[in-house]
Amino acid sequence: MRREKILVGFLTVLVIFLLLAWYDGGREPQRLIEQPVELPEGLQ
């Protein structure tokens, strides 16, 4: 009985965390990362 309550509590916290991460992740607009990168002499 106690193990089942711990498992239900853990799954509840996990679902809440995933829902918050999903909600929060969609609020920021996506943007490209644009930075110049220096390449070694042989690859240019």
C-alpha atoms as a PDB file:
ATOM      1  CA  MET A   1       0.000   0.000   0.000  1.00  0.00           C
ATOM      2  CA  ARG A   2       2.753   2.451   0.925  1.00  0.00           C
ATOM      3  CA  ARG A   3       4.741   1.631  -2.216  1.00  0.00           C
ATOM      4  CA  GLU A   4       1.689   2.355  -4.366  1.00  0.00           C
ATOM      5  CA  LYS A   5       1.193   5.761  -2.731  1.00  0.00           C
ATOM      6  CA  ILE A   6       4.841   6.662  -3.318  1.00  0.00           C
ATOM      7  CA  LEU A   7       4.578   5.580  -6.961  1.00  0.00           C
ATOM      8  CA  VAL A   8       1.354   7.550  -7.499  1.00  0.00           C
ATOM      9  CA  GLY A   9       2.923  10.623  -5.881  1.00  0.00           C
ATOM     10  CA  PHE A  10       6.050  10.331  -8.006  1.00  0.00           C
ATOM     11  CA  LEU A  11       4.037   9.924 -11.214  1.00  0.00           C
ATOM     12  CA  THR A  12       1.850  12.899 -10.280  1.00  0.00           C
ATOM     13  CA  VAL A  13       4.896  15.119  -9.737  1.00  0.00           C
ATOM     14  CA  LEU A  14       6.426  13.874 -12.998  1.00  0.00           C
ATOM     15  CA  VAL A  15       3.269  14.640 -14.988  1.00  0.00           C
ATOM     16  CA  ILE A  16       2.990  18.124 -13.450  1.00  0.00           C
ATOM     17  CA  PHE A  17       6.653  18.807 -14.250  1.00  0.00           C
ATOM     18  CA  LEU A  18       6.239  17.657 -17.855  1.00  0.00           C
ATOM     19  CA  LEU A  19       3.099  19.751 -18.328  1.00  0.00           C
ATOM     20  CA  LEU A  20       4.816  22.850 -16.953  1.00  0.00           C
ATOM     21  CA  ALA A  21       7.879  22.273 -19.159  1.00  0.00           C
ATOM     22  CA  TRP A  22       5.646  21.825 -22.209  1.00  0.00           C
ATOM     23  CA  TYR A  23       3.664  24.970 -21.422  1.00  0.00           C
ATOM     24  CA  ASP A  24       6.702  27.091 -20.624  1.00  0.00           C
ATOM     25  CA  GLY A  25       8.648  25.862 -23.648  1.00  0.00           C
ATOM     26  CA  GLY A  26       6.011  27.156 -26.035  1.00  0.00           C
ATOM     27  CA  ARG A  27       5.935  30.708 -24.727  1.00  0.00           C
ATOM     28  CA  GLU A  28       9.320  31.853 -26.054  1.00  0.00           C
ATOM     29  CA  PRO A  29       9.636  32.500 -29.798  1.00  0.00           C
ATOM     30  CA  GLN A  30      12.240  30.338 -31.491  1.00  0.00           C
ATOM     31  CA  ARG A  31      15.250  32.090 -32.937  1.00  0.00           C
ATOM     32  CA  LEU A  32      18.280  30.936 -34.845  1.00  0.00           C
ATOM     33  CA  ILE A  33      21.706  30.963 -33.254  1.00  0.00           C
ATOM     34  CA  GLU A  34      23.889  32.980 -35.593  1.00  0.00           C
ATOM     35  CA  GLN A  35      27.530  33.342 -34.638  1.00  0.00           C
ATOM     36  CA  PRO A  36      30.642  33.377 -36.783  1.00  0.00           C
ATOM     37  CA  VAL A  37      32.775  30.276 -36.289  1.00  0.00           C
ATOM     38  CA  GLU A  38      36.491  30.222 -36.978  1.00  0.00           C
ATOM     39  CA  LEU A  39      37.545  27.231 -39.078  1.00  0.00           C
ATOM     40  CA  PRO A  40      41.044  25.783 -39.262  1.00  0.00           C
ATOM     41  CA  GLU A  41      43.150  26.824 -42.288  1.00  0.00           C
ATOM     42  CA  GLY A  42      42.696  23.514 -44.131  1.00  0.00           C
ATOM     43  CA  LEU A  43      38.892  23.604 -44.075  1.00  0.00           C
ATOM     44  CA  GLN A  44      38.360  27.062 -45.543  1.00  0.00           C
END
